[in-house]
Each structure stands twice: as structure tokens, then as C-alpha cells.
Amino acid sequence: MQNVILLIHLILTLALIGVVLLQRSEGGGLGMGGGGGNVTTGRSAGTAMGKLTWILGFSLFATSMALTIIAAQNSSGASVLDRLSDRPAESAPAPALPDSGEGLLPPAEGDDAPLTPTAD
């Protein structure tokens, strides 16, 4: 069921993108677009493309809510943090470093070893 709703959701998304791109720009969005002929009116006429955009947008919202509800039901009531704390942490042994006789600490005082590598 989740896969069917997800497929419908993806189809609605592509259709909404197509419908929005096909609409005529009626001005003012980002300072771009065609004329401001109906600036004085509060709302433009409801065209078929505008109504289709609203229908697709509402349908996209409905499928998003349905997918969220299905995912919440499948989560078995436990959060990710609960699942992590239920299992004891298995600590892996630290990898053994090759012992070259030298540590990673800086040289002690009075040690005259060079601090920079040489090209010997």
C-alpha cells in the first residue's frame, strides 16, 4: 500500500511541476514576470490551470500526510534512540599500532631529536 501511495505521490509531484511551468507569469513574484494589468484587483480570475494547480497541490498534501501516517504506524512505537539504548554497546578492540620504539608524544625536555623530518 505504501508503494502505491508513493507512486501516486511522485506522479502528482511531476504533474504539479509541469502545470506550474505551463502557467503564464502574471507578475510580481520576484520582481519578474509580465505586466501588472490587474494590480488594482484583489485576486485574478480563476483559470483552469490555477484550479488544477490547487487540486494537485491539495492531492500532494494528502498523499504526504498518508505516507507520514503509514510510516508512523510501521515504526512500532520506538524511536531510533530507544533502539540504540536497548542493545549493549559492543566495543571493537582498538587496532594495534606498529611499535617503532617512538611514541606519538613530543620529545621530552633535553632530548635533542629534530622535530622536523629530514630527507635522509
N, C-alpha and C. Protein backbone atom coordinates (compact mmCIF):
# COMPACT_ATOMS: atom_id res chain seq x y z
N MET A 1 0.82 -1.19 0.00
CA MET A 1 0.00 0.00 0.00
C MET A 1 0.87 1.26 0.00
N GLN A 2 1.94 1.19 0.76
CA GLN A 2 2.83 2.34 0.84
C GLN A 2 3.48 2.63 -0.52
N ASN A 3 3.82 1.58 -1.25
CA ASN A 3 4.44 1.77 -2.57
C ASN A 3 3.46 2.39 -3.56
N VAL A 4 2.19 2.02 -3.47
CA VAL A 4 1.18 2.59 -4.38
C VAL A 4 1.01 4.08 -4.10
N ILE A 5 0.91 4.44 -2.82
CA ILE A 5 0.76 5.85 -2.47
C ILE A 5 2.01 6.63 -2.85
N LEU A 6 3.16 6.03 -2.68
CA LEU A 6 4.40 6.69 -3.06
C LEU A 6 4.46 6.93 -4.57
N LEU A 7 4.02 5.97 -5.34
CA LEU A 7 3.99 6.14 -6.79
C LEU A 7 3.02 7.25 -7.19
N ILE A 8 1.85 7.28 -6.58
CA ILE A 8 0.88 8.35 -6.84
C ILE A 8 1.47 9.70 -6.44
N HIS A 9 2.17 9.73 -5.32
CA HIS A 9 2.80 10.96 -4.84
C HIS A 9 3.82 11.48 -5.86
N LEU A 10 4.63 10.59 -6.40
CA LEU A 10 5.63 11.00 -7.39
C LEU A 10 4.99 11.49 -8.68
N ILE A 11 3.93 10.82 -9.12
CA ILE A 11 3.22 11.26 -10.33
C ILE A 11 2.59 12.63 -10.11
N LEU A 12 1.98 12.83 -8.93
CA LEU A 12 1.39 14.14 -8.62
C LEU A 12 2.46 15.23 -8.58
N THR A 13 3.62 14.90 -8.06
CA THR A 13 4.71 15.88 -7.99
C THR A 13 5.14 16.31 -9.39
N LEU A 14 5.32 15.34 -10.27
CA LEU A 14 5.72 15.67 -11.65
C LEU A 14 4.63 16.46 -12.36
N ALA A 15 3.37 16.09 -12.14
CA ALA A 15 2.26 16.81 -12.76
C ALA A 15 2.18 18.24 -12.24
N LEU A 16 2.39 18.43 -10.95
CA LEU A 16 2.35 19.78 -10.38
C LEU A 16 3.48 20.64 -10.92
N ILE A 17 4.65 20.05 -11.07
CA ILE A 17 5.77 20.80 -11.65
C ILE A 17 5.43 21.22 -13.08
N GLY A 18 4.88 20.29 -13.85
CA GLY A 18 4.51 20.61 -15.23
C GLY A 18 3.44 21.69 -15.32
N VAL A 19 2.42 21.62 -14.48
CA VAL A 19 1.34 22.61 -14.52
C VAL A 19 1.85 23.98 -14.12
N VAL A 20 2.70 24.04 -13.11
CA VAL A 20 3.23 25.34 -12.68
C VAL A 20 4.11 25.94 -13.77
N LEU A 21 4.90 25.11 -14.43
CA LEU A 21 5.76 25.64 -15.50
C LEU A 21 4.96 26.08 -16.73
N LEU A 22 3.80 25.50 -16.95
CA LEU A 22 2.99 25.88 -18.10
C LEU A 22 2.17 27.15 -17.88
N GLN A 23 2.01 27.56 -16.64
CA GLN A 23 1.20 28.73 -16.37
C GLN A 23 1.89 30.01 -16.84
N ARG A 24 1.06 30.98 -17.17
CA ARG A 24 1.55 32.27 -17.61
C ARG A 24 1.98 33.08 -16.38
N SER A 25 3.12 33.71 -16.46
CA SER A 25 3.59 34.52 -15.36
C SER A 25 2.74 35.78 -15.29
N GLU A 26 2.14 36.03 -14.12
CA GLU A 26 1.27 37.20 -14.00
C GLU A 26 1.82 38.22 -13.04
N GLY A 27 3.10 38.26 -12.95
CA GLY A 27 3.69 39.42 -12.34
C GLY A 27 4.18 39.31 -10.94
N GLY A 28 4.92 40.08 -10.47
CA GLY A 28 5.34 40.44 -9.17
C GLY A 28 6.02 39.44 -8.27
N GLY A 29 6.14 38.18 -8.66
CA GLY A 29 6.66 37.20 -7.74
C GLY A 29 8.02 37.56 -7.19
N LEU A 30 9.01 37.63 -8.04
CA LEU A 30 10.36 38.01 -7.62
C LEU A 30 10.81 39.26 -8.38
N GLY A 31 9.85 40.10 -8.69
CA GLY A 31 10.18 41.29 -9.45
C GLY A 31 10.27 41.01 -10.93
N MET A 32 9.87 39.80 -11.33
CA MET A 32 9.93 39.42 -12.73
C MET A 32 8.51 39.21 -13.24
N GLY A 33 8.41 38.87 -14.47
CA GLY A 33 7.12 38.46 -14.99
C GLY A 33 6.47 39.54 -15.83
N GLY A 34 5.38 39.13 -16.42
CA GLY A 34 4.64 40.02 -17.32
C GLY A 34 3.82 41.03 -16.58
N GLY A 35 3.22 41.90 -17.32
CA GLY A 35 2.53 43.11 -16.89
C GLY A 35 1.71 43.06 -15.63
N GLY A 36 1.45 44.23 -15.11
CA GLY A 36 0.64 44.36 -13.91
C GLY A 36 -0.71 44.94 -14.25
N GLY A 37 -1.37 44.40 -15.23
CA GLY A 37 -2.65 44.92 -15.69
C GLY A 37 -3.74 44.82 -14.63
N ASN A 38 -3.70 43.83 -13.79
CA ASN A 38 -4.75 43.68 -12.79
C ASN A 38 -4.20 43.91 -11.38
N VAL A 39 -3.39 44.95 -11.24
CA VAL A 39 -2.77 45.25 -9.96
C VAL A 39 -3.82 45.73 -8.96
N THR A 40 -4.84 46.43 -9.44
CA THR A 40 -5.82 47.01 -8.53
C THR A 40 -6.81 45.98 -8.01
N THR A 41 -6.97 44.86 -8.70
CA THR A 41 -7.91 43.85 -8.23
C THR A 41 -7.25 43.01 -7.15
N GLY A 42 -8.03 42.52 -6.25
CA GLY A 42 -7.50 41.74 -5.14
C GLY A 42 -7.10 40.35 -5.56
N ARG A 43 -7.70 39.85 -6.61
CA ARG A 43 -7.43 38.47 -7.00
C ARG A 43 -7.67 38.31 -8.49
N SER A 44 -6.87 37.48 -9.13
CA SER A 44 -7.04 37.28 -10.56
C SER A 44 -8.14 36.27 -10.82
N ALA A 45 -8.57 36.21 -12.04
CA ALA A 45 -9.63 35.28 -12.41
C ALA A 45 -9.13 33.85 -12.25
N GLY A 46 -10.01 32.96 -11.78
CA GLY A 46 -9.63 31.57 -11.60
C GLY A 46 -9.62 30.84 -12.92
N THR A 47 -8.45 30.57 -13.42
CA THR A 47 -8.33 29.86 -14.69
C THR A 47 -8.32 28.36 -14.42
N ALA A 48 -8.44 27.60 -15.48
CA ALA A 48 -8.41 26.14 -15.35
C ALA A 48 -7.06 25.67 -14.84
N MET A 49 -5.99 26.32 -15.28
CA MET A 49 -4.66 25.92 -14.82
C MET A 49 -4.48 26.25 -13.33
N GLY A 50 -5.04 27.37 -12.90
CA GLY A 50 -4.97 27.73 -11.49
C GLY A 50 -5.72 26.74 -10.61
N LYS A 51 -6.91 26.34 -11.08
CA LYS A 51 -7.70 25.36 -10.32
C LYS A 51 -7.00 24.00 -10.29
N LEU A 52 -6.40 23.62 -11.42
CA LEU A 52 -5.68 22.36 -11.48
C LEU A 52 -4.47 22.38 -10.54
N THR A 53 -3.83 23.55 -10.43
CA THR A 53 -2.70 23.68 -9.51
C THR A 53 -3.15 23.47 -8.07
N TRP A 54 -4.29 24.06 -7.70
CA TRP A 54 -4.83 23.88 -6.36
C TRP A 54 -5.19 22.42 -6.09
N ILE A 55 -5.80 21.77 -7.06
CA ILE A 55 -6.19 20.36 -6.89
C ILE A 55 -4.96 19.48 -6.73
N LEU A 56 -3.96 19.69 -7.58
CA LEU A 56 -2.74 18.90 -7.49
C LEU A 56 -1.99 19.19 -6.19
N GLY A 57 -1.98 20.44 -5.77
CA GLY A 57 -1.31 20.79 -4.52
C GLY A 57 -1.98 20.14 -3.32
N PHE A 58 -3.32 20.17 -3.29
CA PHE A 58 -4.04 19.52 -2.19
C PHE A 58 -3.83 18.01 -2.22
N SER A 59 -3.84 17.43 -3.41
CA SER A 59 -3.62 15.98 -3.52
C SER A 59 -2.21 15.60 -3.08
N LEU A 60 -1.24 16.43 -3.41
CA LEU A 60 0.14 16.18 -2.97
C LEU A 60 0.23 16.25 -1.45
N PHE A 61 -0.48 17.21 -0.86
CA PHE A 61 -0.50 17.32 0.60
C PHE A 61 -1.15 16.09 1.22
N ALA A 62 -2.25 15.62 0.63
CA ALA A 62 -2.96 14.46 1.17
C ALA A 62 -2.10 13.20 1.09
N THR A 63 -1.41 13.00 -0.02
CA THR A 63 -0.55 11.82 -0.11
C THR A 63 0.65 11.93 0.83
N SER A 64 1.14 13.14 1.06
CA SER A 64 2.23 13.32 2.03
C SER A 64 1.76 12.94 3.43
N MET A 65 0.56 13.36 3.79
CA MET A 65 0.01 13.01 5.10
C MET A 65 -0.21 11.50 5.21
N ALA A 66 -0.70 10.88 4.14
CA ALA A 66 -0.93 9.43 4.16
C ALA A 66 0.38 8.67 4.33
N LEU A 67 1.42 9.10 3.63
CA LEU A 67 2.72 8.44 3.76
C LEU A 67 3.30 8.64 5.17
N THR A 68 3.06 9.80 5.76
CA THR A 68 3.53 10.04 7.12
C THR A 68 2.81 9.14 8.12
N ILE A 69 1.50 9.00 7.95
CA ILE A 69 0.73 8.14 8.85
C ILE A 69 1.16 6.68 8.72
N ILE A 70 1.36 6.22 7.51
CA ILE A 70 1.80 4.84 7.30
C ILE A 70 3.18 4.62 7.91
N ALA A 71 4.08 5.58 7.73
CA ALA A 71 5.42 5.44 8.30
C ALA A 71 5.37 5.44 9.82
N ALA A 72 4.47 6.22 10.41
CA ALA A 72 4.35 6.24 11.87
C ALA A 72 3.79 4.91 12.39
N GLN A 73 2.88 4.31 11.64
CA GLN A 73 2.33 3.02 12.07
C GLN A 73 3.37 1.91 11.95
N ASN A 74 4.24 2.01 10.97
CA ASN A 74 5.26 0.98 10.77
C ASN A 74 6.45 1.13 11.71
N SER A 75 6.52 2.23 12.43
CA SER A 75 7.70 2.47 13.26
C SER A 75 7.67 1.69 14.57
N SER A 76 6.61 1.01 14.87
CA SER A 76 6.43 0.15 16.06
C SER A 76 6.57 0.90 17.37
N GLY A 77 6.35 2.18 17.36
CA GLY A 77 6.31 2.95 18.59
C GLY A 77 7.64 3.18 19.27
N ALA A 78 8.72 2.89 18.65
CA ALA A 78 10.03 3.09 19.26
C ALA A 78 10.83 4.08 18.43
N SER A 79 11.56 4.91 19.11
CA SER A 79 12.41 5.85 18.39
C SER A 79 13.76 5.20 18.11
N VAL A 80 14.52 5.85 17.29
CA VAL A 80 15.85 5.33 16.95
C VAL A 80 16.73 5.31 18.20
N LEU A 81 16.61 6.32 19.04
CA LEU A 81 17.42 6.38 20.25
C LEU A 81 17.06 5.25 21.21
N ASP A 82 15.77 4.87 21.27
CA ASP A 82 15.38 3.75 22.11
C ASP A 82 16.00 2.45 21.62
N ARG A 83 16.03 2.29 20.31
CA ARG A 83 16.61 1.07 19.76
C ARG A 83 18.12 1.02 19.99
N LEU A 84 18.77 2.15 20.01
CA LEU A 84 20.20 2.17 20.26
C LEU A 84 20.52 1.85 21.71
N SER A 85 19.69 2.32 22.63
CA SER A 85 20.00 2.11 24.04
C SER A 85 19.59 0.71 24.52
N ASP A 86 18.76 -0.01 23.78
CA ASP A 86 18.36 -1.36 24.18
C ASP A 86 19.51 -2.35 24.07
N ARG A 87 20.34 -2.20 23.09
CA ARG A 87 21.44 -3.13 22.87
C ARG A 87 22.68 -2.63 23.60
N PRO A 88 23.41 -3.53 24.25
CA PRO A 88 24.66 -3.08 24.85
C PRO A 88 25.67 -2.74 23.76
N ALA A 89 26.43 -1.75 24.02
CA ALA A 89 27.41 -1.32 23.03
C ALA A 89 28.52 -2.35 22.94
N GLU A 90 28.76 -2.80 21.73
CA GLU A 90 29.83 -3.76 21.50
C GLU A 90 31.07 -2.97 21.10
N SER A 91 32.06 -3.01 21.96
CA SER A 91 33.26 -2.25 21.65
C SER A 91 34.24 -3.13 20.90
N ALA A 92 34.64 -2.66 19.78
CA ALA A 92 35.62 -3.38 18.98
C ALA A 92 37.00 -3.09 19.53
N PRO A 93 37.88 -4.07 19.50
CA PRO A 93 39.24 -3.81 20.01
C PRO A 93 39.93 -2.78 19.13
N ALA A 94 40.72 -1.96 19.77
CA ALA A 94 41.45 -0.94 19.03
C ALA A 94 42.50 -1.62 18.16
N PRO A 95 42.71 -1.12 16.96
CA PRO A 95 43.73 -1.73 16.10
C PRO A 95 45.11 -1.52 16.68
N ALA A 96 45.93 -2.54 16.57
CA ALA A 96 47.29 -2.47 17.12
C ALA A 96 48.15 -1.61 16.21
N LEU A 97 48.86 -0.68 16.84
CA LEU A 97 49.78 0.17 16.09
C LEU A 97 51.15 -0.48 16.07
N PRO A 98 51.85 -0.35 14.98
CA PRO A 98 53.20 -0.93 14.95
C PRO A 98 54.08 -0.20 15.96
N ASP A 99 54.83 -0.97 16.72
CA ASP A 99 55.69 -0.40 17.75
C ASP A 99 57.05 -0.10 17.14
N SER A 100 57.32 1.16 16.92
CA SER A 100 58.60 1.56 16.35
C SER A 100 59.55 2.07 17.41
N GLY A 101 59.15 1.95 18.66
CA GLY A 101 60.01 2.42 19.73
C GLY A 101 59.80 3.89 20.03
N GLU A 102 59.08 4.59 19.20
CA GLU A 102 58.83 6.01 19.40
C GLU A 102 57.34 6.19 19.65
N GLY A 103 57.00 7.05 20.54
CA GLY A 103 55.61 7.35 20.80
C GLY A 103 55.14 8.51 19.93
N LEU A 104 53.91 8.85 20.08
CA LEU A 104 53.37 9.97 19.34
C LEU A 104 53.48 11.27 20.13
N LEU A 105 54.03 11.19 21.34
CA LEU A 105 54.18 12.38 22.16
C LEU A 105 55.39 13.17 21.72
N PRO A 106 55.39 14.47 22.01
CA PRO A 106 56.58 15.27 21.65
C PRO A 106 57.77 14.84 22.49
N PRO A 107 58.97 15.13 22.02
CA PRO A 107 60.15 14.71 22.76
C PRO A 107 60.23 15.40 24.12
N ALA A 108 60.83 14.71 25.06
CA ALA A 108 60.98 15.24 26.41
C ALA A 108 62.01 16.35 26.41
N GLU A 109 62.02 17.14 27.50
CA GLU A 109 62.99 18.23 27.60
C GLU A 109 64.40 17.65 27.65
N GLY A 110 65.29 18.30 27.00
CA GLY A 110 66.67 17.85 26.96
C GLY A 110 66.94 16.87 25.83
N ASP A 111 65.90 16.39 25.18
CA ASP A 111 66.08 15.48 24.05
C ASP A 111 66.40 16.32 22.84
N ASP A 112 67.49 16.02 22.16
CA ASP A 112 67.91 16.86 21.05
C ASP A 112 67.49 16.28 19.70
N ALA A 113 66.45 15.49 19.69
CA ALA A 113 65.96 14.93 18.42
C ALA A 113 65.31 16.04 17.61
N PRO A 114 65.52 16.02 16.29
CA PRO A 114 64.90 17.06 15.45
C PRO A 114 63.38 16.88 15.42
N LEU A 115 62.69 18.01 15.40
CA LEU A 115 61.22 17.99 15.38
C LEU A 115 60.67 17.89 13.98
N THR A 116 61.49 18.20 13.00
CA THR A 116 61.01 18.13 11.63
C THR A 116 61.69 16.96 10.94
N PRO A 117 61.00 16.31 10.04
CA PRO A 117 61.61 15.19 9.35
C PRO A 117 62.72 15.67 8.40
N THR A 118 63.69 14.83 8.26
CA THR A 118 64.79 15.14 7.35
C THR A 118 64.72 14.22 6.14
N ALA A 119 65.35 14.61 5.07
CA ALA A 119 65.32 13.82 3.84
C ALA A 119 66.55 12.94 3.77
N ASP A 120 66.83 12.16 4.80
CA ASP A 120 67.99 11.26 4.81
C ASP A 120 67.72 10.04 4.02
